[in-house]
Protein backbone atom coordinates (compact mmCIF):
# COMPACT_ATOMS: atom_id res chain seq x y z
CA MET A 1 -97.19 -222.39 -58.80
CA ALA A 2 -94.16 -223.52 -60.53
CA LYS A 3 -93.02 -226.75 -60.36
CA GLN A 4 -89.59 -226.76 -58.40
CA ILE A 5 -87.12 -229.23 -60.63
CA LYS A 6 -84.64 -230.39 -58.33
CA LEU A 7 -81.24 -232.11 -59.90
CA ARG A 8 -79.57 -235.11 -57.79
CA SER A 9 -76.44 -235.78 -58.89
CA HIS A 10 -75.60 -239.63 -59.37
CA ARG A 11 -72.27 -239.50 -59.12
CA PRO A 12 -70.25 -242.10 -57.18
CA LYS A 13 -69.02 -241.45 -53.82
CA GLU A 14 -65.29 -240.68 -54.20
CA HIS A 15 -62.76 -242.39 -52.37
CA GLY A 16 -58.84 -241.07 -52.20
CA PHE A 17 -56.37 -241.41 -49.87
CA THR A 18 -55.63 -239.97 -46.79
CA LEU A 19 -52.75 -237.45 -45.78
CA ILE A 20 -51.42 -240.13 -43.40
CA GLU A 21 -51.77 -242.97 -46.23
CA MET A 22 -49.69 -240.71 -48.36
CA MET A 23 -46.88 -240.20 -46.05
CA ILE A 24 -47.06 -244.35 -45.18
CA ALA A 25 -46.49 -244.87 -48.57
CA CYS A 26 -43.58 -242.56 -49.16
CA VAL A 27 -41.56 -243.66 -45.86
CA VAL A 28 -41.89 -247.37 -47.44
CA PHE A 29 -40.89 -245.99 -51.09
CA LEU A 30 -37.51 -244.16 -49.09
CA ILE A 31 -37.04 -247.42 -47.69
CA GLY A 32 -36.88 -249.33 -50.45
CA SER A 33 -34.74 -246.90 -52.48
CA VAL A 34 -32.29 -246.33 -49.82
CA ALA A 35 -31.58 -249.90 -50.39
CA MET A 36 -31.71 -250.80 -53.51
CA LEU A 37 -28.99 -247.23 -53.81
CA SER A 38 -26.75 -249.03 -51.42
CA LEU A 39 -26.83 -252.55 -53.40
CA PHE A 40 -25.84 -249.93 -56.35
CA PHE A 41 -22.73 -248.50 -54.57
CA VAL A 42 -21.67 -251.78 -53.64
CA GLY A 43 -21.91 -253.48 -57.33
CA VAL A 44 -19.70 -250.25 -58.51
CA GLN A 45 -16.87 -250.67 -56.05
CA ARG A 46 -16.72 -254.30 -57.13
CA THR A 47 -16.39 -253.89 -60.99
CA VAL A 48 -13.62 -250.93 -60.08
CA GLY A 49 -12.13 -253.60 -58.07
CA HIS A 50 -11.72 -256.02 -60.43
CA GLY A 51 -10.73 -253.42 -63.07
CA ASP A 52 -8.19 -252.54 -61.25
CA GLN A 53 -6.87 -256.23 -60.39
CA GLY A 54 -7.14 -257.32 -64.29
CA THR A 55 -5.27 -253.87 -65.23
CA ARG A 56 -2.41 -255.15 -62.76
CA CYS A 57 -2.32 -258.39 -64.09
CA THR A 58 -1.72 -257.34 -67.65
CA GLU A 59 1.04 -254.53 -66.98
CA TYR A 60 2.69 -257.41 -65.00
CA ALA A 61 2.25 -260.11 -67.69
CA GLN A 62 3.61 -256.90 -70.40
CA ASP A 63 6.49 -256.10 -67.70
CA LYS A 64 7.64 -259.92 -68.03
CA VAL A 65 7.58 -260.11 -71.99
CA GLU A 66 9.60 -256.68 -71.88
CA GLN A 67 12.24 -258.42 -69.87
CA LEU A 68 12.07 -261.84 -71.60
CA MET A 69 12.38 -260.36 -75.09
CA ALA A 70 15.33 -258.23 -74.22
CA ILE A 71 17.55 -261.22 -73.06
CA PRO A 72 19.47 -262.25 -76.22
CA PHE A 73 17.72 -265.18 -78.38
CA ALA A 74 20.52 -267.78 -77.87
CA ASN A 75 20.87 -267.04 -74.14
CA THR A 76 20.52 -269.56 -72.03
CA THR A 77 22.18 -268.73 -68.97
CA TYR A 78 20.55 -265.55 -67.73
CA ASP A 79 18.24 -265.90 -64.33
CA THR A 80 14.48 -264.52 -65.50
CA THR A 81 13.32 -265.22 -62.23
CA VAL A 82 14.85 -261.99 -61.08
CA TYR A 83 14.55 -258.47 -62.46
CA PRO A 84 16.96 -256.99 -63.16
CA THR A 85 18.14 -260.61 -64.71
CA CYS A 86 20.95 -262.39 -62.91
CA THR A 87 23.87 -262.59 -65.66
CA SER A 88 26.34 -264.95 -63.68
CA SER A 89 26.30 -267.06 -60.96
CA CYS A 90 22.19 -267.38 -60.74
CA THR A 91 19.78 -269.69 -59.22
CA CYS A 92 18.15 -270.28 -62.21
CA PRO A 93 20.35 -270.17 -65.31
CA GLU A 94 17.43 -270.56 -67.88
CA GLY A 95 17.69 -267.71 -70.26
CA LEU A 96 15.15 -268.62 -72.99
CA SER A 97 15.66 -272.01 -72.97
CA ALA A 98 13.05 -273.82 -73.87
CA GLY A 99 10.51 -275.12 -71.04
CA GLY A 100 8.71 -273.72 -68.47
CA GLY A 101 4.83 -273.85 -68.44
CA VAL A 102 1.84 -271.90 -67.76
CA THR A 103 -1.26 -274.22 -66.54
CA SER A 104 -2.94 -272.73 -63.59
CA GLY A 105 -1.81 -273.61 -60.49
CA SER A 106 1.13 -275.95 -61.52
CA PRO A 107 3.94 -273.39 -61.62
CA VAL A 108 7.37 -274.78 -63.06
CA THR A 109 10.61 -274.06 -61.15
CA CYS A 110 12.84 -271.50 -62.85
CA TYR A 111 9.60 -270.33 -64.74
CA VAL A 112 7.40 -267.96 -62.06
CA ASP A 113 7.66 -265.51 -59.83
CA TYR A 114 5.40 -264.05 -57.45
CA GLY A 115 3.97 -260.77 -56.79
CA ASP A 116 3.67 -258.98 -53.35
CA GLY A 117 0.57 -256.50 -55.03
CA ASN A 118 2.74 -253.64 -55.24
CA GLY A 119 4.59 -254.78 -58.28
CA ASN A 120 7.59 -256.03 -56.46
CA PHE A 121 7.92 -259.93 -57.72
CA SER A 122 10.54 -262.75 -56.01
CA THR A 123 11.02 -266.29 -56.44
CA THR A 124 9.28 -266.84 -52.76
CA ALA A 125 5.04 -267.49 -52.71
CA THR A 126 5.19 -266.83 -49.23
CA GLY A 127 2.51 -263.92 -48.95
CA ALA A 128 2.17 -263.47 -52.94
CA VAL A 129 -0.66 -261.68 -54.27
CA TYR A 130 -0.15 -262.25 -57.84
CA THR A 131 1.38 -265.48 -59.56
CA ARG A 132 3.19 -265.10 -62.97
CA GLN A 133 4.34 -268.10 -65.00
CA TRP A 134 5.89 -268.16 -68.28
CA MET A 135 6.81 -270.44 -70.89
CA VAL A 136 9.15 -270.50 -73.74
CA ALA A 137 8.75 -272.79 -76.74
CA ASN A 138 10.82 -273.54 -80.15
CA ASP A 139 9.51 -273.45 -83.40
CA SER A 140 10.02 -276.75 -85.40
CA ASN A 141 12.39 -275.26 -87.88
CA THR A 142 16.09 -276.43 -87.94
CA PRO A 143 17.92 -274.55 -86.94
CA THR A 144 15.54 -272.61 -84.20
CA GLN A 145 14.44 -269.25 -85.68
CA ILE A 146 11.48 -268.14 -83.73
CA LYS A 147 10.94 -268.65 -79.77
CA THR A 148 6.90 -268.27 -78.84
CA ILE A 149 7.19 -266.84 -75.37
CA THR A 150 3.55 -266.85 -72.98
CA VAL A 151 3.19 -265.37 -70.13
CA LEU A 152 0.20 -265.97 -67.55
CA VAL A 153 -0.14 -263.73 -64.51
CA THR A 154 -3.09 -265.23 -62.07
CA PRO A 155 -4.79 -262.39 -59.67
CA PRO A 156 -5.61 -262.89 -56.04
CA LYS A 157 -7.30 -265.94 -55.02
CA ASN A 158 -10.02 -263.54 -53.31
CA ILE A 159 -10.55 -261.74 -56.80
CA SER A 160 -12.87 -263.13 -59.14
CA ALA A 161 -11.01 -261.09 -62.17
CA PRO A 162 -9.37 -262.80 -65.21
CA SER A 163 -6.21 -263.72 -65.56
CA THR A 164 -4.15 -262.32 -67.76
CA MET A 165 -2.42 -264.22 -70.77
CA LEU A 166 0.46 -262.73 -73.15
CA VAL A 167 1.87 -264.45 -76.44
CA VAL A 168 4.93 -262.92 -78.35
CA GLN A 169 7.16 -264.21 -80.79
CA LYS A 170 10.94 -263.55 -80.67
CA GLU A 171 12.91 -263.87 -84.36
CA SER A 172 16.69 -264.69 -84.32
CA PHE A 173 18.59 -262.38 -86.21
């Protein structure tokens, strides 16, 4: 009689995941993914908001620079706190007189105006969203041949967007 040979497999017992375990893992992963996705959308919205505020600050600063650059070099009687610029019987007849300041939070009378968020600026701080300050400085040459104009626009206080500062020089002809 022939001898029978039995081949035994000595494989270790295999362990796997059950269908229920896989479903629970997928649900946990899905909940975590949804939470992360909502954080992503909040971050995108904040970034877009800050970019918009930064763009507005730059636009408002450029508007003021253009307004001041349009004033005749030696003029010291126009009111630059209103637009269009007041030319007679003005509240702040400073024109391009040296003065003003661009220290955030310390506006100088007749060298500041306030914006409502829609691009409308006035001399009243009540309800203001943006603060726009400017400074005019004469060069040290005698007679003065160059004026340096600096404009600072500060965004709303509840937004952490950066302020915008523009500096230009105007030359007498």
